[in-house]
Amino acid sequence: MMFNVEKVASGFILVLFLCFILDSSFRNGNEAEKRDNYIRADGRIDGTDNIQRVGNVYKFKEA
């Protein structure tokens, strides 16, 4: 059985290109949602409302 090297190489490059396109499309949606959260020296939390402070313990609020 003989393989055509040009067809195999073209198919491989096409698959790599499609994987790159799919990967980059999923990453772009998440980058816009990425935010930094800070816990300041005095205990304040900046950047989110999903973390609450109870004494010296920080907890994630339930959704």
Protein backbone atom coordinates (compact mmCIF):
# COMPACT_ATOMS: atom_id res chain seq x y z
CA MET A 1 0.00 0.00 0.00
CA MET A 2 1.50 3.28 -1.12
CA PHE A 3 0.90 6.62 0.63
CA ASN A 4 0.93 9.88 -1.23
CA VAL A 5 3.24 12.00 0.93
CA GLU A 6 1.81 15.29 -0.34
CA LYS A 7 -1.77 14.30 0.60
CA VAL A 8 -0.73 13.05 4.03
CA ALA A 9 1.26 16.22 4.74
CA SER A 10 -1.59 18.44 3.51
CA GLY A 11 -4.07 16.59 5.69
CA PHE A 12 -1.82 16.85 8.71
CA ILE A 13 -1.35 20.60 8.21
CA LEU A 14 -5.10 21.05 7.78
CA VAL A 15 -5.80 19.20 11.04
CA LEU A 16 -3.21 21.30 12.91
CA PHE A 17 -4.72 24.49 11.50
CA LEU A 18 -8.24 23.49 12.56
CA CYS A 19 -7.01 22.61 16.06
CA PHE A 20 -5.34 26.01 16.31
CA ILE A 21 -8.53 27.81 15.19
CA LEU A 22 -10.71 25.89 17.67
CA ASP A 23 -8.30 26.45 20.53
CA SER A 24 -7.97 30.17 19.90
CA SER A 25 -11.74 30.63 19.61
CA PHE A 26 -12.27 29.13 23.07
CA ARG A 27 -9.48 31.18 24.64
CA ASN A 28 -10.75 34.54 23.37
CA GLY A 29 -14.05 34.17 25.23
CA ASN A 30 -12.33 33.58 28.55
CA GLU A 31 -9.80 36.40 28.31
CA ALA A 32 -12.49 39.07 28.43
CA GLU A 33 -13.81 37.65 31.70
CA LYS A 34 -10.43 37.49 33.40
CA ARG A 35 -10.16 39.95 36.29
CA ASP A 36 -7.75 40.38 39.14
CA ASN A 37 -8.96 40.16 42.72
CA TYR A 38 -7.07 41.74 45.57
CA ILE A 39 -7.12 41.21 49.31
CA ARG A 40 -5.70 44.40 50.77
CA ALA A 41 -3.53 44.63 53.89
CA ASP A 42 -6.50 45.90 55.90
CA GLY A 43 -8.65 42.92 54.79
CA ARG A 44 -10.73 44.64 52.11
CA ILE A 45 -11.53 42.62 48.97
CA ASP A 46 -11.35 44.48 45.66
CA GLY A 47 -12.38 43.16 42.26
CA THR A 48 -15.22 40.81 43.16
CA ASP A 49 -18.39 40.44 45.17
CA ASN A 50 -18.12 36.64 45.25
CA ILE A 51 -15.78 36.49 48.25
CA GLN A 52 -16.91 37.41 51.72
CA ARG A 53 -14.87 37.93 54.85
CA VAL A 54 -15.97 36.41 58.16
CA GLY A 55 -13.41 37.38 60.78
CA ASN A 56 -10.06 36.19 59.45
CA VAL A 57 -11.64 33.65 57.09
CA TYR A 58 -12.46 34.37 53.44
CA LYS A 59 -15.24 32.33 51.80
CA PHE A 60 -16.67 32.12 48.32
CA LYS A 61 -20.34 33.04 48.19
CA GLU A 62 -22.65 30.42 46.72
CA ALA A 63 -24.06 31.19 43.30
